[in-house]
């Protein structure tokens, strides 16, 4: 936990409102609220939701409210993934699309714009080096197998040996 996060925890637990804490720390209120939600100190606003879920205005995914740190001023939500897709990431994404096309490099599924979520920018967790574009399922799949080639090969052998 960073020093700023610890200060937020202390101020909020002392009963101070988020707005006052933001002023005291010299932070933007929205930024502080986002940090407070991620620290479990504040619940995201729940306008325009259904059964504890909301739709991201950018990617169009219906996700649990825990994926939305803030309600935008227009009453819509923006998920954690889309919030982190800043201008630099967007430029990087567009560069990768022009290099690899708009399809997953593992399964080949094509992903369009609009309501379909963009492909994930895959990277090596050890070096930080960008490898390419993957759909959510493939990106999570190799992530759950810890980007470990031996584990992936074991998974392939398992599937081959247990075909039904």
C-alpha atoms as a PDB file:
ATOM      1  CA  UNK A   1       0.000   0.000   0.000  1.00  0.00           C
ATOM      2  CA  UNK A   2       1.359   3.393  -0.966  1.00  0.00           C
ATOM      3  CA  UNK A   3       1.729   6.277   1.480  1.00  0.00           C
ATOM      4  CA  UNK A   4      -1.140   8.150  -0.198  1.00  0.00           C
ATOM      5  CA  UNK A   5      -3.397   5.092   0.017  1.00  0.00           C
ATOM      6  CA  UNK A   6      -2.568   4.745   3.712  1.00  0.00           C
ATOM      7  CA  UNK A   7      -3.449   8.419   4.253  1.00  0.00           C
ATOM      8  CA  UNK A   8      -6.775   7.866   2.464  1.00  0.00           C
ATOM      9  CA  UNK A   9      -7.513   4.831   4.658  1.00  0.00           C
ATOM     10  CA  UNK A  10      -6.714   6.770   7.842  1.00  0.00           C
ATOM     11  CA  UNK A  11      -8.811   9.807   6.872  1.00  0.00           C
ATOM     12  CA  UNK A  12     -11.840   7.812   5.714  1.00  0.00           C
ATOM     13  CA  UNK A  13     -11.736   5.499   8.737  1.00  0.00           C
ATOM     14  CA  UNK A  14     -11.621   8.577  10.984  1.00  0.00           C
ATOM     15  CA  UNK A  15     -15.004   9.548   9.532  1.00  0.00           C
ATOM     16  CA  UNK A  16     -13.873  12.257   7.119  1.00  0.00           C
ATOM     17  CA  UNK A  17     -15.895  12.559   3.914  1.00  0.00           C
ATOM     18  CA  UNK A  18     -14.212  11.745   0.625  1.00  0.00           C
ATOM     19  CA  UNK A  19     -14.547  15.348  -0.556  1.00  0.00           C
ATOM     20  CA  UNK A  20     -12.827  16.703   2.567  1.00  0.00           C
ATOM     21  CA  UNK A  21     -10.127  14.033   2.341  1.00  0.00           C
ATOM     22  CA  UNK A  22      -9.511  14.965  -1.303  1.00  0.00           C
ATOM     23  CA  UNK A  23      -9.138  18.647  -0.375  1.00  0.00           C
ATOM     24  CA  UNK A  24      -6.847  17.876   2.549  1.00  0.00           C
ATOM     25  CA  UNK A  25      -4.615  15.652   0.385  1.00  0.00           C
ATOM     26  CA  UNK A  26      -4.733  18.053  -2.566  1.00  0.00           C
ATOM     27  CA  UNK A  27      -6.235  15.365  -4.801  1.00  0.00           C
ATOM     28  CA  UNK A  28      -8.971  15.375  -7.394  1.00  0.00           C
ATOM     29  CA  UNK A  29     -12.181  14.057  -5.793  1.00  0.00           C
ATOM     30  CA  UNK A  30     -12.822  11.518  -8.569  1.00  0.00           C
ATOM     31  CA  UNK A  31      -9.297  10.138  -8.272  1.00  0.00           C
ATOM     32  CA  UNK A  32      -9.625   9.799  -4.502  1.00  0.00           C
ATOM     33  CA  UNK A  33     -13.050   8.143  -4.836  1.00  0.00           C
ATOM     34  CA  UNK A  34     -11.602   5.685  -7.384  1.00  0.00           C
ATOM     35  CA  UNK A  35      -8.798   4.800  -4.944  1.00  0.00           C
ATOM     36  CA  UNK A  36     -11.294   4.485  -2.078  1.00  0.00           C
ATOM     37  CA  UNK A  37     -13.431   2.059  -4.113  1.00  0.00           C
ATOM     38  CA  UNK A  38     -10.368  -0.043  -4.964  1.00  0.00           C
ATOM     39  CA  UNK A  39      -9.345  -0.056  -1.286  1.00  0.00           C
ATOM     40  CA  UNK A  40     -12.827  -1.251  -0.287  1.00  0.00           C
ATOM     41  CA  UNK A  41     -13.586   1.965   1.607  1.00  0.00           C
ATOM     42  CA  UNK A  42     -16.349   3.233  -0.658  1.00  0.00           C
ATOM     43  CA  UNK A  43     -19.015   1.613  -2.817  1.00  0.00           C
ATOM     44  CA  UNK A  44     -19.368   2.702  -6.438  1.00  0.00           C
ATOM     45  CA  UNK A  45     -22.503   4.660  -7.219  1.00  0.00           C
ATOM     46  CA  UNK A  46     -25.320   2.427  -8.422  1.00  0.00           C
ATOM     47  CA  UNK A  47     -27.419   4.333 -10.953  1.00  0.00           C
ATOM     48  CA  UNK A  48     -28.679   2.621 -14.136  1.00  0.00           C
ATOM     49  CA  UNK A  49     -27.876  -0.875 -12.897  1.00  0.00           C
ATOM     50  CA  UNK A  50     -29.603  -4.231 -13.204  1.00  0.00           C
ATOM     51  CA  UNK A  51     -29.148  -7.055 -10.669  1.00  0.00           C
ATOM     52  CA  UNK A  52     -25.867  -5.614  -9.391  1.00  0.00           C
ATOM     53  CA  UNK A  53     -24.466  -5.183 -12.899  1.00  0.00           C
ATOM     54  CA  UNK A  54     -23.925  -2.249 -15.244  1.00  0.00           C
ATOM     55  CA  UNK A  55     -22.913  -1.811 -18.880  1.00  0.00           C
ATOM     56  CA  UNK A  56     -19.616  -0.103 -19.727  1.00  0.00           C
ATOM     57  CA  UNK A  57     -20.152   2.869 -22.032  1.00  0.00           C
ATOM     58  CA  UNK A  58     -16.924   2.077 -23.922  1.00  0.00           C
ATOM     59  CA  UNK A  59     -16.757  -1.675 -24.418  1.00  0.00           C
ATOM     60  CA  UNK A  60     -20.463  -2.448 -23.953  1.00  0.00           C
ATOM     61  CA  UNK A  61     -19.852  -5.330 -21.525  1.00  0.00           C
ATOM     62  CA  UNK A  62     -22.390  -6.055 -18.791  1.00  0.00           C
ATOM     63  CA  UNK A  63     -20.185  -6.463 -15.705  1.00  0.00           C
ATOM     64  CA  UNK A  64     -20.563  -6.641 -11.896  1.00  0.00           C
ATOM     65  CA  UNK A  65     -20.544  -3.238 -10.174  1.00  0.00           C
ATOM     66  CA  UNK A  66     -17.175  -4.080  -8.589  1.00  0.00           C
ATOM     67  CA  UNK A  67     -15.657  -3.508 -12.065  1.00  0.00           C
ATOM     68  CA  UNK A  68     -16.846   0.116 -12.079  1.00  0.00           C
ATOM     69  CA  UNK A  69     -14.976   2.493  -9.779  1.00  0.00           C
ATOM     70  CA  UNK A  70     -17.114   5.485 -10.650  1.00  0.00           C
ATOM     71  CA  UNK A  71     -20.325   6.671 -12.201  1.00  0.00           C
ATOM     72  CA  UNK A  72     -19.646   9.206 -14.931  1.00  0.00           C
ATOM     73  CA  UNK A  73     -21.393  12.582 -14.854  1.00  0.00           C
ATOM     74  CA  UNK A  74     -23.728  11.499 -17.685  1.00  0.00           C
ATOM     75  CA  UNK A  75     -25.064   8.594 -15.584  1.00  0.00           C
ATOM     76  CA  UNK A  76     -23.070   5.945 -17.447  1.00  0.00           C
ATOM     77  CA  UNK A  77     -20.317   3.621 -16.291  1.00  0.00           C
ATOM     78  CA  UNK A  78     -16.770   3.037 -17.487  1.00  0.00           C
ATOM     79  CA  UNK A  79     -15.150  -0.256 -16.442  1.00  0.00           C
ATOM     80  CA  UNK A  80     -11.679  -0.571 -14.888  1.00  0.00           C
ATOM     81  CA  UNK A  81     -10.238  -1.928 -18.138  1.00  0.00           C
ATOM     82  CA  UNK A  82     -11.479   1.002 -20.227  1.00  0.00           C
ATOM     83  CA  UNK A  83     -10.428   3.592 -17.638  1.00  0.00           C
ATOM     84  CA  UNK A  84      -6.865   2.315 -17.864  1.00  0.00           C
ATOM     85  CA  UNK A  85      -6.910   2.482 -21.653  1.00  0.00           C
ATOM     86  CA  UNK A  86      -5.428   5.977 -21.756  1.00  0.00           C
ATOM     87  CA  UNK A  87      -4.243   7.918 -24.825  1.00  0.00           C
ATOM     88  CA  UNK A  88      -0.861   6.197 -24.892  1.00  0.00           C
ATOM     89  CA  UNK A  89      -2.457   2.747 -24.643  1.00  0.00           C
ATOM     90  CA  UNK A  90      -4.975   3.672 -27.318  1.00  0.00           C
ATOM     91  CA  UNK A  91      -2.195   4.750 -29.705  1.00  0.00           C
ATOM     92  CA  UNK A  92      -0.302   1.556 -28.881  1.00  0.00           C
ATOM     93  CA  UNK A  93      -3.467  -0.492 -29.471  1.00  0.00           C
ATOM     94  CA  UNK A  94      -4.085   1.130 -32.857  1.00  0.00           C
ATOM     95  CA  UNK A  95      -0.446   0.472 -33.835  1.00  0.00           C
ATOM     96  CA  UNK A  96      -0.837  -3.212 -32.914  1.00  0.00           C
ATOM     97  CA  UNK A  97      -4.113  -3.449 -34.853  1.00  0.00           C
ATOM     98  CA  UNK A  98      -2.380  -2.095 -37.949  1.00  0.00           C
ATOM     99  CA  UNK A  99       0.441  -4.625 -37.448  1.00  0.00           C
ATOM    100  CA  UNK A 100      -1.567  -7.765 -36.565  1.00  0.00           C
ATOM    101  CA  UNK A 101      -5.101  -6.978 -37.718  1.00  0.00           C
ATOM    102  CA  UNK A 102      -8.127  -6.898 -35.466  1.00  0.00           C
ATOM    103  CA  UNK A 103      -8.160 -10.552 -34.508  1.00  0.00           C
ATOM    104  CA  UNK A 104      -6.869 -12.700 -31.684  1.00  0.00           C
ATOM    105  CA  UNK A 105      -3.420 -14.085 -32.468  1.00  0.00           C
ATOM    106  CA  UNK A 106      -4.281 -17.417 -30.820  1.00  0.00           C
ATOM    107  CA  UNK A 107      -7.853 -18.320 -31.805  1.00  0.00           C
ATOM    108  CA  UNK A 108      -8.333 -15.883 -34.696  1.00  0.00           C
ATOM    109  CA  UNK A 109     -11.626 -14.443 -33.473  1.00  0.00           C
ATOM    110  CA  UNK A 110     -12.232 -11.047 -35.045  1.00  0.00           C
ATOM    111  CA  UNK A 111     -13.250  -8.270 -32.713  1.00  0.00           C
ATOM    112  CA  UNK A 112     -14.895  -5.114 -33.999  1.00  0.00           C
ATOM    113  CA  UNK A 113     -15.511  -1.686 -32.524  1.00  0.00           C
ATOM    114  CA  UNK A 114     -18.621  -0.385 -30.824  1.00  0.00           C
ATOM    115  CA  UNK A 115     -20.326  -2.812 -28.456  1.00  0.00           C
ATOM    116  CA  UNK A 116     -17.640  -5.488 -28.886  1.00  0.00           C
ATOM    117  CA  UNK A 117     -14.775  -5.118 -26.465  1.00  0.00           C
ATOM    118  CA  UNK A 118     -11.353  -4.402 -27.912  1.00  0.00           C
ATOM    119  CA  UNK A 119      -8.663  -7.055 -27.880  1.00  0.00           C
ATOM    120  CA  UNK A 120      -6.300  -7.164 -24.908  1.00  0.00           C
ATOM    121  CA  UNK A 121      -2.733  -5.956 -25.344  1.00  0.00           C
ATOM    122  CA  UNK A 122      -0.831  -9.067 -24.257  1.00  0.00           C
ATOM    123  CA  UNK A 123       2.519  -8.617 -22.554  1.00  0.00           C
ATOM    124  CA  UNK A 124       5.156 -10.676 -20.757  1.00  0.00           C
ATOM    125  CA  UNK A 125       4.729 -10.238 -17.006  1.00  0.00           C
ATOM    126  CA  UNK A 126       8.451 -10.723 -16.401  1.00  0.00           C
ATOM    127  CA  UNK A 127       9.860  -8.291 -18.983  1.00  0.00           C
ATOM    128  CA  UNK A 128       6.860  -6.055 -19.699  1.00  0.00           C
ATOM    129  CA  UNK A 129       7.472  -6.607 -23.433  1.00  0.00           C
ATOM    130  CA  UNK A 130       4.313  -6.435 -25.561  1.00  0.00           C
ATOM    131  CA  UNK A 131       3.641  -9.663 -27.478  1.00  0.00           C
ATOM    132  CA  UNK A 132       0.493  -8.847 -29.426  1.00  0.00           C
ATOM    133  CA  UNK A 133      -3.303  -8.783 -29.327  1.00  0.00           C
ATOM    134  CA  UNK A 134      -5.467 -11.501 -27.775  1.00  0.00           C
ATOM    135  CA  UNK A 135      -9.167 -11.935 -27.116  1.00  0.00           C
ATOM    136  CA  UNK A 136     -10.201 -11.943 -23.474  1.00  0.00           C
ATOM    137  CA  UNK A 137     -10.564 -15.738 -23.282  1.00  0.00           C
ATOM    138  CA  UNK A 138      -7.121 -16.479 -24.740  1.00  0.00           C
ATOM    139  CA  UNK A 139      -5.453 -13.733 -22.718  1.00  0.00           C
ATOM    140  CA  UNK A 140      -6.967 -15.038 -19.496  1.00  0.00           C
ATOM    141  CA  UNK A 141      -6.218 -18.636 -20.465  1.00  0.00           C
ATOM    142  CA  UNK A 142      -2.489 -18.098 -20.820  1.00  0.00           C
ATOM    143  CA  UNK A 143      -2.581 -15.856 -17.763  1.00  0.00           C
ATOM    144  CA  UNK A 144      -4.210 -18.577 -15.635  1.00  0.00           C
ATOM    145  CA  UNK A 145      -1.448 -20.925 -16.831  1.00  0.00           C
ATOM    146  CA  UNK A 146       1.070 -18.290 -15.717  1.00  0.00           C
ATOM    147  CA  UNK A 147       2.500 -17.773 -19.244  1.00  0.00           C
ATOM    148  CA  UNK A 148       4.344 -21.047 -18.585  1.00  0.00           C
ATOM    149  CA  UNK A 149       5.122 -22.972 -21.795  1.00  0.00           C
ATOM    150  CA  UNK A 150       5.542 -26.256 -19.880  1.00  0.00           C
ATOM    151  CA  UNK A 151       2.077 -25.866 -18.301  1.00  0.00           C
ATOM    152  CA  UNK A 152       0.575 -25.018 -21.700  1.00  0.00           C
ATOM    153  CA  UNK A 153       2.219 -28.122 -23.230  1.00  0.00           C
ATOM    154  CA  UNK A 154       0.904 -30.236 -20.337  1.00  0.00           C
ATOM    155  CA  UNK A 155      -2.572 -28.863 -21.001  1.00  0.00           C
ATOM    156  CA  UNK A 156      -2.257 -29.793 -24.699  1.00  0.00           C
ATOM    157  CA  UNK A 157      -1.087 -33.337 -23.814  1.00  0.00           C
ATOM    158  CA  UNK A 158      -3.975 -33.680 -21.356  1.00  0.00           C
ATOM    159  CA  UNK A 159      -6.515 -32.647 -23.984  1.00  0.00           C
ATOM    160  CA  UNK A 160      -5.018 -34.987 -26.596  1.00  0.00           C
ATOM    161  CA  UNK A 161      -4.956 -37.927 -24.181  1.00  0.00           C
ATOM    162  CA  UNK A 162      -8.517 -37.353 -22.970  1.00  0.00           C
ATOM    163  CA  UNK A 163     -10.464 -36.706 -26.162  1.00  0.00           C
ATOM    164  CA  UNK A 164     -14.085 -37.730 -25.860  1.00  0.00           C
END
